[in-house]
Amino acid sequence: MNPQSLFPRSTRLAAALMLAAAVITCAGCGDNSNQKFLSMGTAPIGGAFNPVGNALSQTLNENKGDNEWKVQAKGTKGSQENIRRLNEGTDQLALSNSAISYHAVRGTGSWKGKKYDIRTVVTIAPNVAMFITKKDSGIKTIADLIGKKVVCGPSGAGFEMFLEPLLKEHGVSFDDFKQKLNNNQNGAVDMLADGAADAAFLGGAVPTPAIQRACNEQEIYFIPFDEAAIERLAKLSYFQAITIPADKYKDLTEDYHGLNVGSMHLITSADQDEELIYQITKTLWENRQSIDHPAAKKFINRENAAFYTGTDFHPGAARFYKEINIWSAKSMAAKTTESE
């Protein structure tokens, strides 16, 4: 007796179709069996991390060549959460403010003695941040923030690590504020508009979308930094004096002498595979002109990409930078006058 005759024709047909589908599925699986999924932590919408992360992921995915990876940018609370996610293995890549990374690798600041073993892949762009207020607020200096309601970045993002020394050099502390508020950059602009905040600390790669929006919706005053304070702060690896041309923001009437309060950089865990990070670094460098973000495209260059900001470079990244001859004293721990 034919064994197939024991089963109805419809049952045999259904089984055959299921087997064929399974074969096709398995054949397709073979094409992606070596694909490596890489999650990249960014930050909330409104600042520079989110669009830069999306642009970097797109560049890596569209120019991967023989590299079997799929990079996905994910919105997070920002640098502090990103560093923790790298440590936990949840993410493999992340954007961070170099001031926050600086304290993470040393176990200082708000990291409370716990050191995080992270490494730099590429230094991307200055994080040019400043306090802004409404033009009619009466606030003209950082000292005028005393007794005011001030937005100091998203909760848990770690802004305190560069805001505390910045304020200290101006003779101000968080305790001097009437209220220290937390919100993302777009939320901070809303709080300025409705009077819930008197000033906000905003920034990122220039131009920062949230600051552009503030200038378009309100009359904004850019609170200046004290020049002597800028000189003192610039002794730290993660602070650099920087000038914003007047034409970058609608309400900026003259060049603004400000601070890079910690460059945006791409980071990874120290134990990440050296060859993988070498290939990621190489891909970003060789395709930097196709990165769909003006600041990232501009600042991933020979002078800036391998610039040391307080966190050592991953061996895979360092190997590539040495191959293309942009590794120098500026790529290593060159500053010895830092206070930790």
Protein backbone atom coordinates (compact mmCIF):
# COMPACT_ATOMS: atom_id res chain seq x y z
CA MET A 1 0.00 0.00 0.00
CA ASN A 2 1.24 3.47 -0.84
CA PRO A 3 1.82 5.23 2.53
CA GLN A 4 0.56 8.49 1.01
CA SER A 5 -2.84 6.90 0.47
CA LEU A 6 -3.31 6.87 4.24
CA PHE A 7 -3.64 10.68 4.25
CA PRO A 8 -6.19 12.84 2.40
CA ARG A 9 -4.90 14.64 -0.69
CA SER A 10 -5.55 18.06 0.93
CA THR A 11 -3.41 17.12 3.92
CA ARG A 12 -0.57 15.97 1.68
CA LEU A 13 -0.78 19.20 -0.34
CA ALA A 14 -0.67 21.38 2.78
CA ALA A 15 2.34 19.46 4.10
CA ALA A 16 4.14 19.89 0.79
CA LEU A 17 3.51 23.62 0.78
CA MET A 18 4.79 23.94 4.35
CA LEU A 19 7.94 22.01 3.46
CA ALA A 20 8.56 24.20 0.42
CA ALA A 21 8.13 27.35 2.50
CA ALA A 22 10.56 26.02 5.10
CA VAL A 23 13.16 25.27 2.41
CA ILE A 24 12.81 28.76 0.94
CA THR A 25 13.03 30.34 4.38
CA CYS A 26 16.16 28.39 5.27
CA ALA A 27 17.74 29.29 1.94
CA GLY A 28 17.11 32.96 2.70
CA CYS A 29 18.51 32.60 6.20
CA GLY A 30 21.83 31.53 4.82
CA ASP A 31 22.36 34.93 3.18
CA ASN A 32 22.27 36.76 6.55
CA SER A 33 23.68 34.11 8.88
CA ASN A 34 26.77 36.21 9.59
CA GLN A 35 24.99 39.55 9.89
CA LYS A 36 25.89 41.45 13.06
CA PHE A 37 23.31 43.80 14.51
CA LEU A 38 24.82 46.89 16.10
CA SER A 39 22.70 49.19 18.23
CA MET A 40 23.82 52.82 18.52
CA GLY A 41 22.54 54.93 21.43
CA THR A 42 21.80 58.59 20.61
CA ALA A 43 19.58 61.03 22.58
CA PRO A 44 16.10 62.65 22.55
CA ILE A 45 14.91 64.59 19.50
CA GLY A 46 15.80 68.30 19.56
CA GLY A 47 19.56 68.11 20.00
CA ALA A 48 22.30 67.02 17.63
CA PHE A 49 22.87 63.43 18.82
CA ASN A 50 19.67 62.06 17.32
CA PRO A 51 20.14 63.28 13.73
CA VAL A 52 23.90 62.60 13.82
CA GLY A 53 23.31 59.04 15.03
CA ASN A 54 20.80 58.45 12.27
CA ALA A 55 23.22 59.87 9.70
CA LEU A 56 26.14 57.73 10.91
CA SER A 57 23.99 54.58 10.92
CA GLN A 58 22.79 55.30 7.39
CA THR A 59 26.36 55.83 6.16
CA LEU A 60 27.57 52.59 7.77
CA ASN A 61 24.66 50.59 6.34
CA GLU A 62 24.88 52.01 2.84
CA ASN A 63 28.66 51.62 2.55
CA LYS A 64 29.34 48.40 4.45
CA GLY A 65 30.91 46.56 1.52
CA ASP A 66 31.80 43.04 2.68
CA ASN A 67 31.05 43.87 6.32
CA GLU A 68 27.98 41.96 7.46
CA TRP A 69 26.50 44.48 9.87
CA LYS A 70 23.20 46.25 10.35
CA VAL A 71 23.46 49.43 12.45
CA GLN A 72 20.37 50.87 14.11
CA ALA A 73 20.34 54.25 15.88
CA LYS A 74 18.11 54.31 18.96
CA GLY A 75 16.81 57.31 20.88
CA THR A 76 17.87 57.37 24.55
CA LYS A 77 18.14 59.88 27.40
CA GLY A 78 21.65 60.76 26.21
CA SER A 79 25.30 60.29 27.18
CA GLN A 80 24.92 58.90 30.67
CA GLU A 81 22.40 56.24 29.68
CA ASN A 82 24.42 55.43 26.56
CA ILE A 83 27.54 54.69 28.60
CA ARG A 84 25.59 52.41 30.92
CA ARG A 85 24.06 50.59 27.95
CA LEU A 86 27.52 49.97 26.50
CA ASN A 87 28.64 48.61 29.85
CA GLU A 88 25.62 46.28 30.00
CA GLY A 89 26.13 45.11 26.42
CA THR A 90 22.71 46.43 25.36
CA ASP A 91 24.33 48.71 22.78
CA GLN A 92 27.55 48.24 20.84
CA LEU A 93 28.05 51.86 19.77
CA ALA A 94 26.94 55.16 21.27
CA LEU A 95 27.22 58.90 21.02
CA SER A 96 28.39 60.74 24.11
CA ASN A 97 29.52 64.12 25.30
CA SER A 98 33.26 63.79 25.89
CA ALA A 99 33.02 65.61 29.24
CA ILE A 100 30.67 62.92 30.52
CA SER A 101 32.84 60.15 29.06
CA TYR A 102 35.89 61.77 30.70
CA HIS A 103 34.39 61.30 34.17
CA ALA A 104 32.98 57.85 33.35
CA VAL A 105 36.41 56.35 32.59
CA ARG A 106 37.84 57.90 35.79
CA GLY A 107 34.95 57.17 38.14
CA THR A 108 34.64 60.86 39.01
CA GLY A 109 31.81 63.37 38.89
CA SER A 110 28.43 61.75 39.39
CA TRP A 111 29.71 58.26 38.52
CA LYS A 112 30.35 57.74 42.26
CA GLY A 113 33.59 55.81 42.07
CA LYS A 114 32.46 53.34 39.38
CA LYS A 115 34.72 53.37 36.32
CA TYR A 116 33.38 52.49 32.88
CA ASP A 117 35.69 50.80 30.38
CA ILE A 118 34.75 52.71 27.23
CA ARG A 119 36.83 53.86 24.27
CA THR A 120 36.56 56.51 21.57
CA VAL A 121 35.95 55.56 17.94
CA VAL A 122 35.90 59.04 16.38
CA THR A 123 35.71 62.61 17.66
CA ILE A 124 32.86 64.11 15.70
CA ALA A 125 31.92 67.71 16.40
CA PRO A 126 32.07 70.42 19.06
CA ASN A 127 29.15 70.54 21.48
CA VAL A 128 28.74 74.30 21.58
CA ALA A 129 26.38 75.07 24.41
CA MET A 130 25.22 78.24 26.14
CA PHE A 131 22.50 79.67 28.34
CA ILE A 132 19.72 81.42 26.46
CA THR A 133 16.85 83.49 27.77
CA LYS A 134 14.09 85.73 26.46
CA LYS A 135 15.38 89.12 25.38
CA ASP A 136 13.08 90.89 27.85
CA SER A 137 13.95 88.67 30.86
CA GLY A 138 16.45 91.12 32.35
CA ILE A 139 19.09 88.35 32.53
CA LYS A 140 22.35 89.64 31.04
CA THR A 141 25.09 87.56 32.71
CA ILE A 142 25.48 84.08 34.17
CA ALA A 143 25.53 85.67 37.64
CA ASP A 144 22.01 86.93 36.89
CA LEU A 145 20.82 83.30 36.89
CA ILE A 146 20.94 83.36 40.69
CA GLY A 147 17.38 83.12 41.98
CA LYS A 148 16.03 82.01 38.58
CA LYS A 149 14.38 78.89 37.18
CA VAL A 150 16.91 77.28 34.83
CA VAL A 151 16.63 74.21 32.59
CA CYS A 152 19.85 72.16 32.87
CA GLY A 153 19.29 69.37 30.36
CA PRO A 154 17.35 66.10 30.50
CA SER A 155 17.20 64.18 33.76
CA GLY A 156 19.82 61.44 33.78
CA ALA A 157 21.77 62.78 30.80
CA GLY A 158 24.74 63.86 32.92
CA PHE A 159 24.86 67.56 32.03
CA GLU A 160 25.94 68.29 35.60
CA MET A 161 29.42 66.95 34.79
CA PHE A 162 30.25 69.93 32.62
CA LEU A 163 27.71 72.42 33.97
CA GLU A 164 29.04 72.32 37.53
CA PRO A 165 32.61 73.41 36.65
CA LEU A 166 31.26 75.93 34.13
CA LEU A 167 29.01 77.58 36.72
CA LYS A 168 31.70 77.39 39.41
CA GLU A 169 34.10 79.44 37.28
CA HIS A 170 31.37 82.12 37.15
CA GLY A 171 30.79 82.05 40.92
CA VAL A 172 27.44 80.25 40.65
CA SER A 173 26.17 76.83 41.76
CA PHE A 174 22.96 74.86 41.22
CA ASP A 175 21.95 75.73 44.78
CA ASP A 176 21.83 79.39 43.76
CA PHE A 177 18.97 78.77 41.32
CA LYS A 178 15.40 79.26 42.43
CA GLN A 179 14.72 75.97 40.69
CA LYS A 180 16.95 73.59 38.73
CA LEU A 181 14.73 72.13 36.01
CA ASN A 182 15.21 69.14 33.71
CA ASN A 183 13.87 68.70 30.21
CA ASN A 184 15.03 67.81 26.73
CA GLN A 185 16.00 70.61 24.35
CA ASN A 186 12.63 71.04 22.67
CA GLY A 187 10.91 70.88 26.05
CA ALA A 188 13.25 73.55 27.37
CA VAL A 189 12.26 75.87 24.49
CA ASP A 190 8.59 75.32 25.37
CA MET A 191 9.28 76.13 29.03
CA LEU A 192 10.95 79.40 28.04
CA ALA A 193 7.98 80.30 25.87
CA ASP A 194 5.34 79.76 28.54
CA GLY A 195 7.34 81.25 31.42
CA ALA A 196 7.94 77.96 33.24
CA ALA A 197 11.68 78.64 32.95
CA ASP A 198 13.72 81.86 32.94
CA ALA A 199 16.71 80.42 31.07
CA ALA A 200 17.86 77.19 29.48
CA PHE A 201 21.18 75.55 28.75
CA LEU A 202 21.07 74.33 25.15
CA GLY A 203 23.60 73.24 22.61
CA GLY A 204 25.12 70.71 20.29
CA ALA A 205 26.63 70.84 16.87
CA VAL A 206 26.11 74.28 15.31
CA PRO A 207 23.44 75.09 14.35
CA THR A 208 21.47 73.26 17.05
CA PRO A 209 17.85 72.64 15.97
CA ALA A 210 16.34 73.59 19.34
CA ILE A 211 18.18 76.93 19.42
CA GLN A 212 17.11 77.66 15.86
CA ARG A 213 13.53 76.92 16.86
CA ALA A 214 13.78 79.19 19.93
CA CYS A 215 15.02 82.06 17.76
CA ASN A 216 12.24 81.51 15.23
CA GLU A 217 9.48 81.45 17.85
CA GLN A 218 10.76 83.97 20.45
CA GLU A 219 13.15 86.88 20.80
CA ILE A 220 16.23 85.27 22.32
CA TYR A 221 19.25 86.65 24.19
CA PHE A 222 22.47 84.63 24.28
CA ILE A 223 23.96 84.98 27.78
CA PRO A 224 27.73 85.55 27.41
CA PHE A 225 30.49 83.64 29.17
CA ASP A 226 33.19 85.51 31.09
CA GLU A 227 36.37 85.44 28.97
CA ALA A 228 38.61 84.77 31.98
CA ALA A 229 36.39 81.81 32.91
CA ILE A 230 36.70 80.46 29.36
CA GLU A 231 40.51 80.57 29.63
CA ARG A 232 40.47 78.66 32.92
CA LEU A 233 38.02 76.04 31.69
CA ALA A 234 39.99 75.48 28.47
CA LYS A 235 42.73 73.83 30.56
CA LEU A 236 40.56 70.71 30.77
CA SER A 237 40.68 68.17 27.91
CA TYR A 238 36.98 68.37 27.21
CA PHE A 239 36.57 72.17 27.15
CA GLN A 240 37.75 74.32 24.25
CA ALA A 241 37.13 77.98 23.50
CA ILE A 242 35.10 78.40 20.34
CA THR A 243 33.45 81.24 18.42
CA ILE A 244 29.99 81.02 16.85
CA PRO A 245 29.63 83.31 13.82
CA ALA A 246 26.73 85.74 14.11
CA ASP A 247 25.01 84.36 11.02
CA LYS A 248 24.43 80.92 12.59
CA TYR A 249 21.39 82.00 14.64
CA LYS A 250 18.69 84.53 13.83
CA ASP A 251 18.89 86.42 17.16
CA LEU A 252 22.68 86.42 17.39
CA THR A 253 23.73 89.97 16.52
CA GLU A 254 27.51 89.46 16.75
CA ASP A 255 30.02 86.63 16.98
CA TYR A 256 29.54 84.69 20.22
CA HIS A 257 32.62 83.70 22.23
CA GLY A 258 31.60 80.46 23.83
CA LEU A 259 32.71 76.99 24.80
CA ASN A 260 32.82 73.55 23.36
CA VAL A 261 31.60 71.90 26.57
CA GLY A 262 32.60 68.41 25.46
CA SER A 263 32.84 67.27 21.86
CA MET A 264 30.33 64.79 20.59
CA HIS A 265 32.14 61.52 20.00
CA LEU A 266 31.29 57.99 18.95
CA ILE A 267 32.25 55.48 21.63
CA THR A 268 32.23 51.74 22.21
CA SER A 269 33.20 49.30 24.96
CA ALA A 270 36.90 48.58 25.44
CA ASP A 271 36.39 44.86 24.77
CA GLN A 272 34.63 45.34 21.45
CA ASP A 273 36.28 43.38 18.62
CA GLU A 274 39.29 45.27 17.23
CA GLU A 275 38.68 44.34 13.61
CA LEU A 276 35.03 45.39 13.81
CA ILE A 277 35.91 48.83 15.18
CA TYR A 278 38.71 49.17 12.62
CA GLN A 279 36.20 48.54 9.81
CA ILE A 280 33.61 50.93 11.31
CA THR A 281 36.25 53.67 11.66
CA LYS A 282 37.50 53.06 8.12
CA THR A 283 33.98 53.09 6.67
CA LEU A 284 33.02 56.36 8.37
CA TRP A 285 36.28 58.02 7.33
CA GLU A 286 36.19 56.92 3.70
CA ASN A 287 32.53 57.91 3.33
CA ARG A 288 32.50 61.00 5.55
CA GLN A 289 31.44 63.30 2.71
CA SER A 290 28.24 61.29 2.28
CA ILE A 291 27.21 61.63 5.96
CA ASP A 292 23.84 63.36 5.95
CA HIS A 293 24.62 65.87 8.70
CA PRO A 294 26.63 69.06 8.06
CA ALA A 295 28.56 69.11 11.35
CA ALA A 296 29.55 65.44 11.23
CA LYS A 297 30.56 65.80 7.59
CA LYS A 298 32.64 68.88 8.40
CA PHE A 299 34.39 67.77 11.58
CA ILE A 300 35.31 64.18 10.74
CA ASN A 301 38.54 65.51 9.26
CA ARG A 302 42.31 65.12 9.60
CA GLU A 303 42.56 67.60 12.47
CA ASN A 304 39.56 66.47 14.51
CA ALA A 305 38.69 62.79 13.99
CA ALA A 306 41.59 61.48 16.08
CA PHE A 307 41.63 64.36 18.57
CA TYR A 308 41.92 63.21 22.20
CA THR A 309 39.19 64.57 24.51
CA GLY A 310 39.93 62.62 27.67
CA THR A 311 38.91 59.07 26.68
CA ASP A 312 41.45 56.75 25.02
CA PHE A 313 40.81 55.55 21.49
CA HIS A 314 39.82 51.95 20.83
CA PRO A 315 42.76 49.94 19.39
CA GLY A 316 40.81 49.31 16.19
CA ALA A 317 40.26 53.03 15.64
CA ALA A 318 43.85 53.90 16.60
CA ARG A 319 45.18 51.33 14.11
CA PHE A 320 43.26 52.95 11.27
CA TYR A 321 44.27 56.51 12.22
CA LYS A 322 47.92 55.44 12.29
CA GLU A 323 47.56 53.88 8.83
CA ILE A 324 46.30 57.15 7.34
CA ASN A 325 48.87 59.23 9.25
CA ILE A 326 46.56 61.38 11.36
CA TRP A 327 47.61 59.86 14.69
CA SER A 328 49.65 62.35 16.71
CA ALA A 329 50.23 63.76 20.19
CA LYS A 330 46.74 65.26 19.90
CA SER A 331 45.38 61.71 19.76
CA MET A 332 46.79 60.78 23.15
CA ALA A 333 46.66 62.05 26.73
CA ALA A 334 48.65 65.19 26.01
CA LYS A 335 47.32 67.45 28.80
CA THR A 336 48.87 67.05 32.24
CA THR A 337 47.33 70.06 34.03
CA GLU A 338 43.82 68.63 34.37
CA SER A 339 42.03 68.70 37.70
CA GLU A 340 39.94 65.60 38.27
